[in-house]
C-alpha atoms as a PDB file:
ATOM      1  CA  MET A   1       1.792 -22.202  14.840  1.00  0.00           C
ATOM      2  CA  ARG A   2       4.407 -24.123  15.079  1.00  0.00           C
ATOM      3  CA  MET A   3       5.360 -25.853  18.899  1.00  0.00           C
ATOM      4  CA  LEU A   4       8.283 -23.453  20.852  1.00  0.00           C
ATOM      5  CA  PHE A   5       9.504 -26.680  23.304  1.00  0.00           C
ATOM      6  CA  GLU A   6       9.356 -29.916  22.370  1.00  0.00           C
ATOM      7  CA  PRO A   7       7.725 -32.047  24.700  1.00  0.00           C
ATOM      8  CA  LEU A   8      10.363 -34.205  26.680  1.00  0.00           C
ATOM      9  CA  ASN A   9      13.680 -33.280  24.615  1.00  0.00           C
ATOM     10  CA  SER A  10      16.686 -32.634  26.707  1.00  0.00           C
ATOM     11  CA  ASP A  11      19.020 -31.797  24.264  1.00  0.00           C
ATOM     12  CA  GLY A  12      19.413 -28.396  24.462  1.00  0.00           C
ATOM     13  CA  HIS A  13      20.802 -27.343  21.504  1.00  0.00           C
ATOM     14  CA  LEU A  14      17.952 -29.133  19.542  1.00  0.00           C
ATOM     15  CA  ARG A  15      15.301 -27.162  21.702  1.00  0.00           C
ATOM     16  CA  SER A  16      16.580 -23.541  21.146  1.00  0.00           C
ATOM     17  CA  LEU A  17      16.891 -24.906  17.357  1.00  0.00           C
ATOM     18  CA  VAL A  18      13.361 -24.886  17.729  1.00  0.00           C
ATOM     19  CA  TYR A  19      12.177 -22.117  19.940  1.00  0.00           C
ATOM     20  CA  HIS A  20      14.335 -19.744  17.312  1.00  0.00           C
ATOM     21  CA  ASP A  21      12.764 -21.508  14.700  1.00  0.00           C
ATOM     22  CA  ALA A  22       9.128 -21.146  15.746  1.00  0.00           C
ATOM     23  CA  ARG A  23       9.705 -17.653  16.905  1.00  0.00           C
ATOM     24  CA  LEU A  24      11.316 -16.507  13.870  1.00  0.00           C
ATOM     25  CA  GLN A  25       8.256 -17.895  12.087  1.00  0.00           C
ATOM     26  CA  MET A  26       5.713 -16.076  14.463  1.00  0.00           C
ATOM     27  CA  LEU A  27       7.830 -12.365  14.304  1.00  0.00           C
ATOM     28  CA  HIS A  28       7.455 -13.330   9.985  1.00  0.00           C
ATOM     29  CA  ASP A  29       3.506 -14.110  10.569  1.00  0.00           C
ATOM     30  CA  ARG A  30       3.425 -10.817  11.976  1.00  0.00           C
ATOM     31  CA  VAL A  31       4.975  -9.235   9.675  1.00  0.00           C
ATOM     32  CA  ILE A  32       2.970 -10.568   6.505  1.00  0.00           C
ATOM     33  CA  LYS A  33      -0.060  -9.402   8.427  1.00  0.00           C
ATOM     34  CA  ARG A  34       1.271  -5.504   8.834  1.00  0.00           C
ATOM     35  CA  PHE A  35       2.203  -5.493   5.451  1.00  0.00           C
ATOM     36  CA  ASP A  36      -1.017  -6.653   4.304  1.00  0.00           C
ATOM     37  CA  LYS A  37      -2.595  -4.056   6.851  1.00  0.00           C
ATOM     38  CA  VAL A  38      -0.213  -1.072   5.341  1.00  0.00           C
ATOM     39  CA  GLU A  39      -1.448  -2.878   1.640  1.00  0.00           C
ATOM     40  CA  ASP A  40      -5.109  -2.218   2.212  1.00  0.00           C
ATOM     41  CA  ALA A  41      -4.625   0.809   3.344  1.00  0.00           C
ATOM     42  CA  ALA A  42      -2.349   2.035   0.656  1.00  0.00           C
ATOM     43  CA  GLU A  43      -5.405   1.013  -1.673  1.00  0.00           C
ATOM     44  CA  ARG A  44      -7.870   2.414  -0.120  1.00  0.00           C
ATOM     45  CA  VAL A  45      -6.037   6.122  -0.302  1.00  0.00           C
ATOM     46  CA  GLN A  46      -5.179   5.311  -3.581  1.00  0.00           C
ATOM     47  CA  ALA A  47      -8.767   5.235  -4.432  1.00  0.00           C
ATOM     48  CA  ALA A  48      -9.886   8.094  -1.800  1.00  0.00           C
ATOM     49  CA  ALA A  49      -7.211  10.296  -4.027  1.00  0.00           C
ATOM     50  CA  GLU A  50      -8.806   9.401  -7.660  1.00  0.00           C
ATOM     51  CA  LEU A  51     -12.467  10.512  -6.276  1.00  0.00           C
ATOM     52  CA  LEU A  52     -10.302  13.808  -4.885  1.00  0.00           C
ATOM     53  CA  VAL A  53      -8.825  14.133  -8.976  1.00  0.00           C
ATOM     54  CA  GLU A  54     -12.097  13.181 -10.536  1.00  0.00           C
ATOM     55  CA  ALA A  55     -14.364  15.682  -7.703  1.00  0.00           C
ATOM     56  CA  TYR A  56     -12.092  18.471  -8.844  1.00  0.00           C
ATOM     57  CA  VAL A  57     -12.031  17.655 -12.646  1.00  0.00           C
ATOM     58  CA  ARG A  58     -15.722  18.284 -12.903  1.00  0.00           C
ATOM     59  CA  THR A  59     -15.296  21.895 -10.917  1.00  0.00           C
ATOM     60  CA  VAL A  60     -12.448  22.602 -13.172  1.00  0.00           C
ATOM     61  CA  PRO A  61     -13.458  23.190 -16.393  1.00  0.00           C
ATOM     62  CA  LEU A  62     -10.757  22.137 -19.291  1.00  0.00           C
ATOM     63  CA  PRO A  63      -8.558  25.672 -20.413  1.00  0.00           C
ATOM     64  CA  SER A  64      -9.377  26.266 -24.124  1.00  0.00           C
ATOM     65  CA  PHE A  65      -6.461  25.748 -25.743  1.00  0.00           C
ATOM     66  CA  GLY A  66      -7.330  28.735 -28.264  1.00  0.00           C
ATOM     67  CA  ALA A  67      -6.010  32.639 -28.789  1.00  0.00           C
ATOM     68  CA  THR A  68      -7.141  32.866 -25.065  1.00  0.00           C
ATOM     69  CA  PHE A  69      -6.127  30.427 -21.961  1.00  0.00           C
ATOM     70  CA  GLY A  70      -8.227  30.250 -19.094  1.00  0.00           C
ATOM     71  CA  PRO A  71      -7.197  28.911 -15.992  1.00  0.00           C
ATOM     72  CA  ALA A  72      -4.716  26.182 -16.182  1.00  0.00           C
ATOM     73  CA  LEU A  73      -5.256  22.885 -14.712  1.00  0.00           C
ATOM     74  CA  PRO A  74      -2.735  21.239 -12.601  1.00  0.00           C
ATOM     75  CA  VAL A  75      -0.633  17.935 -14.487  1.00  0.00           C
ATOM     76  CA  PHE A  76      -2.516  14.886 -12.649  1.00  0.00           C
ATOM     77  CA  ALA A  77      -5.925  16.456 -13.809  1.00  0.00           C
ATOM     78  CA  LEU A  78      -5.221  16.306 -16.749  1.00  0.00           C
ATOM     79  CA  GLU A  79      -3.067  12.931 -16.630  1.00  0.00           C
ATOM     80  CA  HIS A  80      -6.980  11.814 -14.651  1.00  0.00           C
ATOM     81  CA  ARG A  81      -8.675  12.294 -18.170  1.00  0.00           C
ATOM     82  CA  GLY A  82      -5.535  10.540 -20.284  1.00  0.00           C
ATOM     83  CA  HIS A  83      -4.306  13.663 -22.036  1.00  0.00           C
ATOM     84  CA  GLY A  84      -0.837  11.317 -21.545  1.00  0.00           C
ATOM     85  CA  VAL A  85       0.785  15.175 -20.530  1.00  0.00           C
ATOM     86  CA  ASN A  86       4.978  14.490 -20.234  1.00  0.00           C
END
């Protein structure tokens, strides 16, 4: 962490520059920490979504592609199984 005030500095402009530089550095550090928290939360949401899709896929059978068609699966469930629906 940077020093907010330079000790015994009589130059007000230099002191102001040092203060603002330190303040910007502290704000930058806070933004980086916040981005890390958001990224962690996004990873947890992604993992939960994958678990939800996997649970859904296990409970709904694949539709038959013969003469009779069963219930249709949502596109995300087919993509999750690696069918590559475009």
